[in-house]
Amino acid sequence: MSNFFDFKRKRPKKKVHRFKKLRLTFGITQAELANYLNCSQAFVSNVEKRHKKAPKEMLRKFKKLRSELMEEMNGGSK
Protein backbone atom coordinates (compact mmCIF):
# COMPACT_ATOMS: atom_id res chain seq x y z
CA MET A 1 0.00 0.00 0.00
CA SER A 2 1.42 3.36 -0.96
CA ASN A 3 1.63 6.27 1.38
CA PHE A 4 -0.58 9.27 0.58
CA PHE A 5 2.46 11.57 0.70
CA ASP A 6 4.54 9.49 -1.72
CA PHE A 7 2.97 10.93 -4.85
CA LYS A 8 4.75 13.65 -6.74
CA ARG A 9 2.81 16.81 -7.20
CA LYS A 10 2.65 18.01 -10.75
CA ARG A 11 2.91 21.73 -11.14
CA PRO A 12 0.26 23.17 -13.41
CA LYS A 13 1.69 24.56 -16.62
CA LYS A 14 1.66 28.31 -16.64
CA LYS A 15 -0.29 29.76 -19.49
CA VAL A 16 1.54 32.26 -21.65
CA HIS A 17 0.18 35.74 -21.04
CA ARG A 18 -1.79 37.10 -24.00
CA PHE A 19 0.61 40.04 -24.35
CA LYS A 20 3.52 37.67 -24.86
CA LYS A 21 1.53 35.38 -27.16
CA LEU A 22 0.63 38.34 -29.38
CA ARG A 23 4.20 39.60 -29.38
CA LEU A 24 5.65 36.24 -30.34
CA THR A 25 3.01 35.61 -33.00
CA PHE A 26 3.56 38.91 -34.76
CA GLY A 27 7.26 39.44 -33.98
CA ILE A 28 6.75 42.49 -31.78
CA THR A 29 9.26 43.42 -29.08
CA GLN A 30 8.27 44.39 -25.56
CA ALA A 31 9.51 47.91 -26.31
CA GLU A 32 7.28 48.18 -29.41
CA LEU A 33 4.26 46.92 -27.51
CA ALA A 34 5.04 49.30 -24.64
CA ASN A 35 5.27 52.20 -27.08
CA TYR A 36 1.85 51.34 -28.53
CA LEU A 37 0.30 50.93 -25.07
CA ASN A 38 2.00 54.09 -23.81
CA CYS A 39 3.82 52.43 -20.91
CA SER A 40 7.33 51.25 -20.13
CA GLN A 41 8.96 48.07 -21.41
CA ALA A 42 9.49 47.05 -17.78
CA PHE A 43 5.74 47.27 -17.15
CA VAL A 44 5.01 45.02 -20.15
CA SER A 45 7.58 42.55 -18.80
CA ASN A 46 5.95 42.58 -15.36
CA VAL A 47 2.49 42.04 -16.87
CA GLU A 48 3.78 39.11 -18.94
CA LYS A 49 5.31 37.58 -15.80
CA ARG A 50 2.03 38.22 -13.97
CA HIS A 51 3.74 40.42 -11.39
CA LYS A 52 1.37 43.27 -12.26
CA LYS A 53 -2.09 43.55 -13.79
CA ALA A 54 -2.75 45.64 -16.84
CA PRO A 55 -5.30 48.44 -16.36
CA LYS A 56 -8.59 48.21 -18.29
CA GLU A 57 -7.64 51.04 -20.66
CA MET A 58 -4.44 49.20 -21.57
CA LEU A 59 -6.42 46.03 -22.24
CA ARG A 60 -8.73 47.99 -24.56
CA LYS A 61 -5.71 49.26 -26.51
CA PHE A 62 -4.32 45.73 -26.59
CA LYS A 63 -7.56 44.35 -28.05
CA LYS A 64 -7.54 47.09 -30.69
CA LEU A 65 -3.95 46.28 -31.65
CA ARG A 66 -4.73 42.57 -31.81
CA SER A 67 -7.70 43.14 -34.12
CA GLU A 68 -5.64 45.48 -36.34
CA LEU A 69 -2.86 42.92 -36.63
CA MET A 70 -5.31 40.10 -37.35
CA GLU A 71 -7.01 42.20 -40.01
CA GLU A 72 -3.64 43.02 -41.58
CA MET A 73 -2.68 39.35 -41.50
CA ASN A 74 -5.94 38.43 -43.27
CA GLY A 75 -5.28 40.85 -46.09
CA GLY A 76 -7.21 43.83 -44.76
CA SER A 77 -10.62 42.20 -44.75
CA LYS A 78 -12.72 41.04 -41.82
PDB file of N, CA and C in Angstrom:
ATOM      1  N   MET A   1       0.848  -1.179   0.000  1.00  0.00           N
ATOM      2  CA  MET A   1       0.000   0.000   0.000  1.00  0.00           C
ATOM      3  C   MET A   1       0.889   1.237   0.000  1.00  0.00           C
ATOM      4  N   SER A   2       0.583   2.165  -0.873  1.00  0.00           N
ATOM      5  CA  SER A   2       1.421   3.362  -0.961  1.00  0.00           C
ATOM      6  C   SER A   2       0.955   4.424   0.036  1.00  0.00           C
ATOM      7  N   ASN A   3       1.899   5.176   0.456  1.00  0.00           N
ATOM      8  CA  ASN A   3       1.627   6.269   1.385  1.00  0.00           C
ATOM      9  C   ASN A   3       1.027   7.448   0.612  1.00  0.00           C
ATOM     10  N   PHE A   4       0.069   8.121   1.208  1.00  0.00           N
ATOM     11  CA  PHE A   4      -0.584   9.268   0.577  1.00  0.00           C
ATOM     12  C   PHE A   4       0.430  10.340   0.184  1.00  0.00           C
ATOM     13  N   PHE A   5       1.486  10.496   0.943  1.00  0.00           N
ATOM     14  CA  PHE A   5       2.459  11.565   0.703  1.00  0.00           C
ATOM     15  C   PHE A   5       3.576  11.156  -0.251  1.00  0.00           C
ATOM     16  N   ASP A   6       3.508   9.962  -0.800  1.00  0.00           N
ATOM     17  CA  ASP A   6       4.538   9.486  -1.720  1.00  0.00           C
ATOM     18  C   ASP A   6       4.374  10.021  -3.144  1.00  0.00           C
ATOM     19  N   PHE A   7       3.189  10.481  -3.473  1.00  0.00           N
ATOM     20  CA  PHE A   7       2.971  10.932  -4.846  1.00  0.00           C
ATOM     21  C   PHE A   7       3.723  12.234  -5.117  1.00  0.00           C
ATOM     22  N   LYS A   8       4.081  12.417  -6.353  1.00  0.00           N
ATOM     23  CA  LYS A   8       4.755  13.654  -6.741  1.00  0.00           C
ATOM     24  C   LYS A   8       3.718  14.611  -7.273  1.00  0.00           C
ATOM     25  N   ARG A   9       3.758  15.798  -6.749  1.00  0.00           N
ATOM     26  CA  ARG A   9       2.811  16.810  -7.200  1.00  0.00           C
ATOM     27  C   ARG A   9       3.251  17.374  -8.525  1.00  0.00           C
ATOM     28  N   LYS A  10       2.346  17.406  -9.455  1.00  0.00           N
ATOM     29  CA  LYS A  10       2.651  18.010 -10.749  1.00  0.00           C
ATOM     30  C   LYS A  10       2.279  19.474 -10.678  1.00  0.00           C
ATOM     31  N   ARG A  11       3.189  20.304 -11.090  1.00  0.00           N
ATOM     32  CA  ARG A  11       2.906  21.728 -11.140  1.00  0.00           C
ATOM     33  C   ARG A  11       2.077  22.018 -12.374  1.00  0.00           C
ATOM     34  N   PRO A  12       1.049  22.816 -12.215  1.00  0.00           N
ATOM     35  CA  PRO A  12       0.263  23.166 -13.407  1.00  0.00           C
ATOM     36  C   PRO A  12       1.110  24.013 -14.345  1.00  0.00           C
ATOM     37  N   LYS A  13       0.952  23.768 -15.635  1.00  0.00           N
ATOM     38  CA  LYS A  13       1.687  24.559 -16.618  1.00  0.00           C
ATOM     39  C   LYS A  13       1.155  25.982 -16.603  1.00  0.00           C
ATOM     40  N   LYS A  14       2.084  26.916 -16.603  1.00  0.00           N
ATOM     41  CA  LYS A  14       1.665  28.313 -16.644  1.00  0.00           C
ATOM     42  C   LYS A  14       1.276  28.670 -18.063  1.00  0.00           C
ATOM     43  N   LYS A  15       0.148  29.324 -18.185  1.00  0.00           N
ATOM     44  CA  LYS A  15      -0.292  29.764 -19.495  1.00  0.00           C
ATOM     45  C   LYS A  15       0.505  30.998 -19.888  1.00  0.00           C
ATOM     46  N   VAL A  16       0.830  31.092 -21.146  1.00  0.00           N
ATOM     47  CA  VAL A  16       1.541  32.259 -21.647  1.00  0.00           C
ATOM     48  C   VAL A  16       0.583  33.438 -21.642  1.00  0.00           C
ATOM     49  N   HIS A  17       1.025  34.544 -21.095  1.00  0.00           N
ATOM     50  CA  HIS A  17       0.175  35.735 -21.043  1.00  0.00           C
ATOM     51  C   HIS A  17      -0.155  36.188 -22.454  1.00  0.00           C
ATOM     52  N   ARG A  18      -1.349  36.711 -22.651  1.00  0.00           N
ATOM     53  CA  ARG A  18      -1.793  37.095 -23.997  1.00  0.00           C
ATOM     54  C   ARG A  18      -0.918  38.180 -24.613  1.00  0.00           C
ATOM     55  N   PHE A  19      -0.303  39.033 -23.800  1.00  0.00           N
ATOM     56  CA  PHE A  19       0.613  40.042 -24.351  1.00  0.00           C
ATOM     57  C   PHE A  19       1.789  39.336 -25.028  1.00  0.00           C
ATOM     58  N   LYS A  20       2.358  38.372 -24.323  1.00  0.00           N
ATOM     59  CA  LYS A  20       3.523  37.669 -24.864  1.00  0.00           C
ATOM     60  C   LYS A  20       3.139  36.844 -26.085  1.00  0.00           C
ATOM     61  N   LYS A  21       1.985  36.193 -26.031  1.00  0.00           N
ATOM     62  CA  LYS A  21       1.526  35.385 -27.157  1.00  0.00           C
ATOM     63  C   LYS A  21       1.378  36.245 -28.415  1.00  0.00           C
ATOM     64  N   LEU A  22       0.787  37.424 -28.250  1.00  0.00           N
ATOM     65  CA  LEU A  22       0.631  38.337 -29.381  1.00  0.00           C
ATOM     66  C   LEU A  22       2.000  38.778 -29.899  1.00  0.00           C
ATOM     67  N   ARG A  23       2.879  39.138 -28.982  1.00  0.00           N
ATOM     68  CA  ARG A  23       4.203  39.596 -29.378  1.00  0.00           C
ATOM     69  C   ARG A  23       4.941  38.527 -30.175  1.00  0.00           C
ATOM     70  N   LEU A  24       4.921  37.309 -29.671  1.00  0.00           N
ATOM     71  CA  LEU A  24       5.646  36.236 -30.341  1.00  0.00           C
ATOM     72  C   LEU A  24       5.017  35.886 -31.680  1.00  0.00           C
ATOM     73  N   THR A  25       3.707  35.930 -31.755  1.00  0.00           N
ATOM     74  CA  THR A  25       3.009  35.605 -32.998  1.00  0.00           C
ATOM     75  C   THR A  25       3.334  36.600 -34.107  1.00  0.00           C
ATOM     76  N   PHE A  26       3.375  37.876 -33.752  1.00  0.00           N
ATOM     77  CA  PHE A  26       3.564  38.912 -34.764  1.00  0.00           C
ATOM     78  C   PHE A  26       4.962  39.509 -34.765  1.00  0.00           C
ATOM     79  N   GLY A  27       5.876  38.972 -33.974  1.00  0.00           N
ATOM     80  CA  GLY A  27       7.255  39.439 -33.981  1.00  0.00           C
ATOM     81  C   GLY A  27       7.427  40.843 -33.434  1.00  0.00           C
ATOM     82  N   ILE A  28       6.687  41.170 -32.383  1.00  0.00           N
ATOM     83  CA  ILE A  28       6.755  42.494 -31.776  1.00  0.00           C
ATOM     84  C   ILE A  28       7.607  42.409 -30.517  1.00  0.00           C
ATOM     85  N   THR A  29       8.456  43.393 -30.299  1.00  0.00           N
ATOM     86  CA  THR A  29       9.262  43.417 -29.082  1.00  0.00           C
ATOM     87  C   THR A  29       8.446  44.009 -27.934  1.00  0.00           C
ATOM     88  N   GLN A  30       8.931  43.794 -26.727  1.00  0.00           N
ATOM     89  CA  GLN A  30       8.273  44.393 -25.560  1.00  0.00           C
ATOM     90  C   GLN A  30       8.293  45.912 -25.677  1.00  0.00           C
ATOM     91  N   ALA A  31       9.400  46.450 -26.171  1.00  0.00           N
ATOM     92  CA  ALA A  31       9.512  47.908 -26.314  1.00  0.00           C
ATOM     93  C   ALA A  31       8.485  48.450 -27.306  1.00  0.00           C
ATOM     94  N   GLU A  32       8.269  47.741 -28.422  1.00  0.00           N
ATOM     95  CA  GLU A  32       7.284  48.179 -29.413  1.00  0.00           C
ATOM     96  C   GLU A  32       5.871  48.114 -28.845  1.00  0.00           C
ATOM     97  N   LEU A  33       5.577  47.042 -28.116  1.00  0.00           N
ATOM     98  CA  LEU A  33       4.259  46.920 -27.506  1.00  0.00           C
ATOM     99  C   LEU A  33       4.072  48.008 -26.455  1.00  0.00           C
ATOM    100  N   ALA A  34       5.101  48.255 -25.669  1.00  0.00           N
ATOM    101  CA  ALA A  34       5.038  49.300 -24.636  1.00  0.00           C
ATOM    102  C   ALA A  34       4.799  50.663 -25.272  1.00  0.00           C
ATOM    103  N   ASN A  35       5.446  50.930 -26.384  1.00  0.00           N
ATOM    104  CA  ASN A  35       5.269  52.203 -27.078  1.00  0.00           C
ATOM    105  C   ASN A  35       3.816  52.358 -27.531  1.00  0.00           C
ATOM    106  N   TYR A  36       3.242  51.290 -28.080  1.00  0.00           N
ATOM    107  CA  TYR A  36       1.849  51.342 -28.531  1.00  0.00           C
ATOM    108  C   TYR A  36       0.893  51.529 -27.352  1.00  0.00           C
ATOM    109  N   LEU A  37       1.174  50.867 -26.243  1.00  0.00           N
ATOM    110  CA  LEU A  37       0.302  50.927 -25.072  1.00  0.00           C
ATOM    111  C   LEU A  37       0.594  52.135 -24.182  1.00  0.00           C
ATOM    112  N   ASN A  38       1.623  52.885 -24.554  1.00  0.00           N
ATOM    113  CA  ASN A  38       2.003  54.089 -23.814  1.00  0.00           C
ATOM    114  C   ASN A  38       2.393  53.764 -22.359  1.00  0.00           C
ATOM    115  N   CYS A  39       3.298  52.793 -22.228  1.00  0.00           N
ATOM    116  CA  CYS A  39       3.817  52.428 -20.915  1.00  0.00           C
ATOM    117  C   CYS A  39       5.284  52.039 -21.092  1.00  0.00           C
ATOM    118  N   SER A  40       5.921  51.622 -20.039  1.00  0.00           N
ATOM    119  CA  SER A  40       7.334  51.245 -20.132  1.00  0.00           C
ATOM    120  C   SER A  40       7.478  49.769 -20.527  1.00  0.00           C
ATOM    121  N   GLN A  41       8.651  49.452 -21.060  1.00  0.00           N
ATOM    122  CA  GLN A  41       8.956  48.072 -21.413  1.00  0.00           C
ATOM    123  C   GLN A  41       8.972  47.214 -20.150  1.00  0.00           C
ATOM    124  N   ALA A  42       9.447  47.778 -19.047  1.00  0.00           N
ATOM    125  CA  ALA A  42       9.493  47.046 -17.777  1.00  0.00           C
ATOM    126  C   ALA A  42       8.081  46.667 -17.318  1.00  0.00           C
ATOM    127  N   PHE A  43       7.119  47.571 -17.547  1.00  0.00           N
ATOM    128  CA  PHE A  43       5.739  47.272 -17.151  1.00  0.00           C
ATOM    129  C   PHE A  43       5.184  46.118 -17.977  1.00  0.00           C
ATOM    130  N   VAL A  44       5.458  46.128 -19.283  1.00  0.00           N
ATOM    131  CA  VAL A  44       5.006  45.020 -20.151  1.00  0.00           C
ATOM    132  C   VAL A  44       5.621  43.714 -19.660  1.00  0.00           C
ATOM    133  N   SER A  45       6.900  43.742 -19.315  1.00  0.00           N
ATOM    134  CA  SER A  45       7.575  42.553 -18.802  1.00  0.00           C
ATOM    135  C   SER A  45       6.904  42.057 -17.521  1.00  0.00           C
ATOM    136  N   ASN A  46       6.594  42.965 -16.618  1.00  0.00           N
ATOM    137  CA  ASN A  46       5.947  42.582 -15.360  1.00  0.00           C
ATOM    138  C   ASN A  46       4.542  42.029 -15.580  1.00  0.00           C
ATOM    139  N   VAL A  47       3.824  42.564 -16.554  1.00  0.00           N
ATOM    140  CA  VAL A  47       2.487  42.043 -16.871  1.00  0.00           C
ATOM    141  C   VAL A  47       2.616  40.631 -17.441  1.00  0.00           C
ATOM    142  N   GLU A  48       3.582  40.434 -18.341  1.00  0.00           N
ATOM    143  CA  GLU A  48       3.779  39.110 -18.936  1.00  0.00           C
ATOM    144  C   GLU A  48       4.157  38.073 -17.882  1.00  0.00           C
ATOM    145  N   LYS A  49       4.908  38.490 -16.877  1.00  0.00           N
ATOM    146  CA  LYS A  49       5.307  37.577 -15.798  1.00  0.00           C
ATOM    147  C   LYS A  49       4.238  37.451 -14.724  1.00  0.00           C
ATOM    148  N   ARG A  50       3.155  38.191 -14.907  1.00  0.00           N
ATOM    149  CA  ARG A  50       2.029  38.225 -13.966  1.00  0.00           C
ATOM    150  C   ARG A  50       2.407  38.811 -12.607  1.00  0.00           C
ATOM    151  N   HIS A  51       3.384  39.707 -12.609  1.00  0.00           N
ATOM    152  CA  HIS A  51       3.741  40.419 -11.389  1.00  0.00           C
ATOM    153  C   HIS A  51       2.829  41.628 -11.195  1.00  0.00           C
ATOM    154  N   LYS A  52       2.297  42.138 -12.307  1.00  0.00           N
ATOM    155  CA  LYS A  52       1.374  43.269 -12.260  1.00  0.00           C
ATOM    156  C   LYS A  52       0.208  42.986 -13.185  1.00  0.00           C
ATOM    157  N   LYS A  53      -0.906  43.669 -12.927  1.00  0.00           N
ATOM    158  CA  LYS A  53      -2.088  43.551 -13.787  1.00  0.00           C
ATOM    159  C   LYS A  53      -2.166  44.771 -14.685  1.00  0.00           C
ATOM    160  N   ALA A  54      -2.579  44.543 -15.900  1.00  0.00           N
ATOM    161  CA  ALA A  54      -2.749  45.644 -16.844  1.00  0.00           C
ATOM    162  C   ALA A  54      -4.069  46.356 -16.556  1.00  0.00           C
ATOM    163  N   PRO A  55      -4.051  47.690 -16.562  1.00  0.00           N
ATOM    164  CA  PRO A  55      -5.303  48.443 -16.362  1.00  0.00           C
ATOM    165  C   PRO A  55      -6.278  48.205 -17.521  1.00  0.00           C
ATOM    166  N   LYS A  56      -7.557  48.452 -17.267  1.00  0.00           N
ATOM    167  CA  LYS A  56      -8.587  48.214 -18.285  1.00  0.00           C
ATOM    168  C   LYS A  56      -8.328  48.979 -19.573  1.00  0.00           C
ATOM    169  N   GLU A  57      -7.906  50.230 -19.454  1.00  0.00           N
ATOM    170  CA  GLU A  57      -7.644  51.039 -20.656  1.00  0.00           C
ATOM    171  C   GLU A  57      -6.537  50.406 -21.507  1.00  0.00           C
ATOM    172  N   MET A  58      -5.528  49.858 -20.847  1.00  0.00           N
ATOM    173  CA  MET A  58      -4.442  49.204 -21.567  1.00  0.00           C
ATOM    174  C   MET A  58      -4.956  47.945 -22.261  1.00  0.00           C
ATOM    175  N   LEU A  59      -5.842  47.219 -21.614  1.00  0.00           N
ATOM    176  CA  LEU A  59      -6.417  46.026 -22.235  1.00  0.00           C
ATOM    177  C   LEU A  59      -7.263  46.386 -23.450  1.00  0.00           C
ATOM    178  N   ARG A  60      -7.957  47.527 -23.389  1.00  0.00           N
ATOM    179  CA  ARG A  60      -8.727  47.989 -24.561  1.00  0.00           C
ATOM    180  C   ARG A  60      -7.790  48.269 -25.739  1.00  0.00           C
ATOM    181  N   LYS A  61      -6.689  48.966 -25.455  1.00  0.00           N
ATOM    182  CA  LYS A  61      -5.710  49.256 -26.514  1.00  0.00           C
ATOM    183  C   LYS A  61      -5.125  47.963 -27.071  1.00  0.00           C
ATOM    184  N   PHE A  62      -4.872  47.017 -26.177  1.00  0.00           N
ATOM    185  CA  PHE A  62      -4.319  45.732 -26.591  1.00  0.00           C
ATOM    186  C   PHE A  62      -5.270  45.011 -27.537  1.00  0.00           C
ATOM    187  N   LYS A  63      -6.559  45.006 -27.201  1.00  0.00           N
ATOM    188  CA  LYS A  63      -7.555  44.348 -28.052  1.00  0.00           C
ATOM    189  C   LYS A  63      -7.633  45.021 -29.419  1.00  0.00           C
ATOM    190  N   LYS A  64      -7.515  46.349 -29.428  1.00  0.00           N
ATOM    191  CA  LYS A  64      -7.540  47.087 -30.686  1.00  0.00           C
ATOM    192  C   LYS A  64      -6.331  46.704 -31.539  1.00  0.00           C
ATOM    193  N   LEU A  65      -5.159  46.658 -30.925  1.00  0.00           N
ATOM    194  CA  LEU A  65      -3.946  46.278 -31.646  1.00  0.00           C
ATOM    195  C   LEU A  65      -4.077  44.865 -32.200  1.00  0.00           C
ATOM    196  N   ARG A  66      -4.580  43.960 -31.374  1.00  0.00           N
ATOM    197  CA  ARG A  66      -4.734  42.568 -31.807  1.00  0.00           C
ATOM    198  C   ARG A  66      -5.653  42.474 -33.020  1.00  0.00           C
ATOM    199  N   SER A  67      -6.772  43.197 -32.982  1.00  0.00           N
ATOM    200  CA  SER A  67      -7.701  43.135 -34.119  1.00  0.00           C
ATOM    201  C   SER A  67      -7.091  43.769 -35.365  1.00  0.00           C
ATOM    202  N   GLU A  68      -6.316  44.857 -35.184  1.00  0.00           N
ATOM    203  CA  GLU A  68      -5.643  45.481 -36.336  1.00  0.00           C
ATOM    204  C   GLU A  68      -4.630  44.530 -36.956  1.00  0.00           C
ATOM    205  N   LEU A  69      -3.866  43.845 -36.121  1.00  0.00           N
ATOM    206  CA  LEU A  69      -2.860  42.918 -36.631  1.00  0.00           C
ATOM    207  C   LEU A  69      -3.517  41.711 -37.311  1.00  0.00           C
ATOM    208  N   MET A  70      -4.608  41.225 -36.740  1.00  0.00           N
ATOM    209  CA  MET A  70      -5.312  40.099 -37.352  1.00  0.00           C
ATOM    210  C   MET A  70      -5.908  40.508 -38.699  1.00  0.00           C
ATOM    211  N   GLU A  71      -6.447  41.716 -38.763  1.00  0.00           N
ATOM    212  CA  GLU A  71      -7.013  42.204 -40.015  1.00  0.00           C
ATOM    213  C   GLU A  71      -5.922  42.339 -41.078  1.00  0.00           C
ATOM    214  N   GLU A  72      -4.780  42.868 -40.661  1.00  0.00           N
ATOM    215  CA  GLU A  72      -3.638  43.024 -41.578  1.00  0.00           C
ATOM    216  C   GLU A  72      -3.163  41.670 -42.056  1.00  0.00           C
ATOM    217  N   MET A  73      -3.137  40.693 -41.158  1.00  0.00           N
ATOM    218  CA  MET A  73      -2.682  39.349 -41.504  1.00  0.00           C
ATOM    219  C   MET A  73      -3.652  38.700 -42.496  1.00  0.00           C
ATOM    220  N   ASN A  74      -4.936  39.007 -42.379  1.00  0.00           N
ATOM    221  CA  ASN A  74      -5.945  38.428 -43.266  1.00  0.00           C
ATOM    222  C   ASN A  74      -6.130  39.213 -44.554  1.00  0.00           C
ATOM    223  N   GLY A  75      -5.224  40.108 -44.834  1.00  0.00           N
ATOM    224  CA  GLY A  75      -5.282  40.846 -46.085  1.00  0.00           C
ATOM    225  C   GLY A  75      -6.175  42.065 -46.033  1.00  0.00           C
ATOM    226  N   GLY A  76      -6.434  42.606 -44.873  1.00  0.00           N
ATOM    227  CA  GLY A  76      -7.207  43.833 -44.759  1.00  0.00           C
ATOM    228  C   GLY A  76      -8.709  43.652 -44.780  1.00  0.00           C
ATOM    229  N   SER A  77      -9.174  42.416 -44.759  1.00  0.00           N
ATOM    230  CA  SER A  77     -10.624  42.200 -44.748  1.00  0.00           C
ATOM    231  C   SER A  77     -11.020  41.435 -43.509  1.00  0.00           C
ATOM    232  N   LYS A  78     -12.225  41.738 -42.993  1.00  0.00           N
ATOM    233  CA  LYS A  78     -12.719  41.035 -41.817  1.00  0.00           C
ATOM    234  C   LYS A  78     -13.634  39.917 -42.187  1.00  0.00           C
TER     235      LYS A  78
END
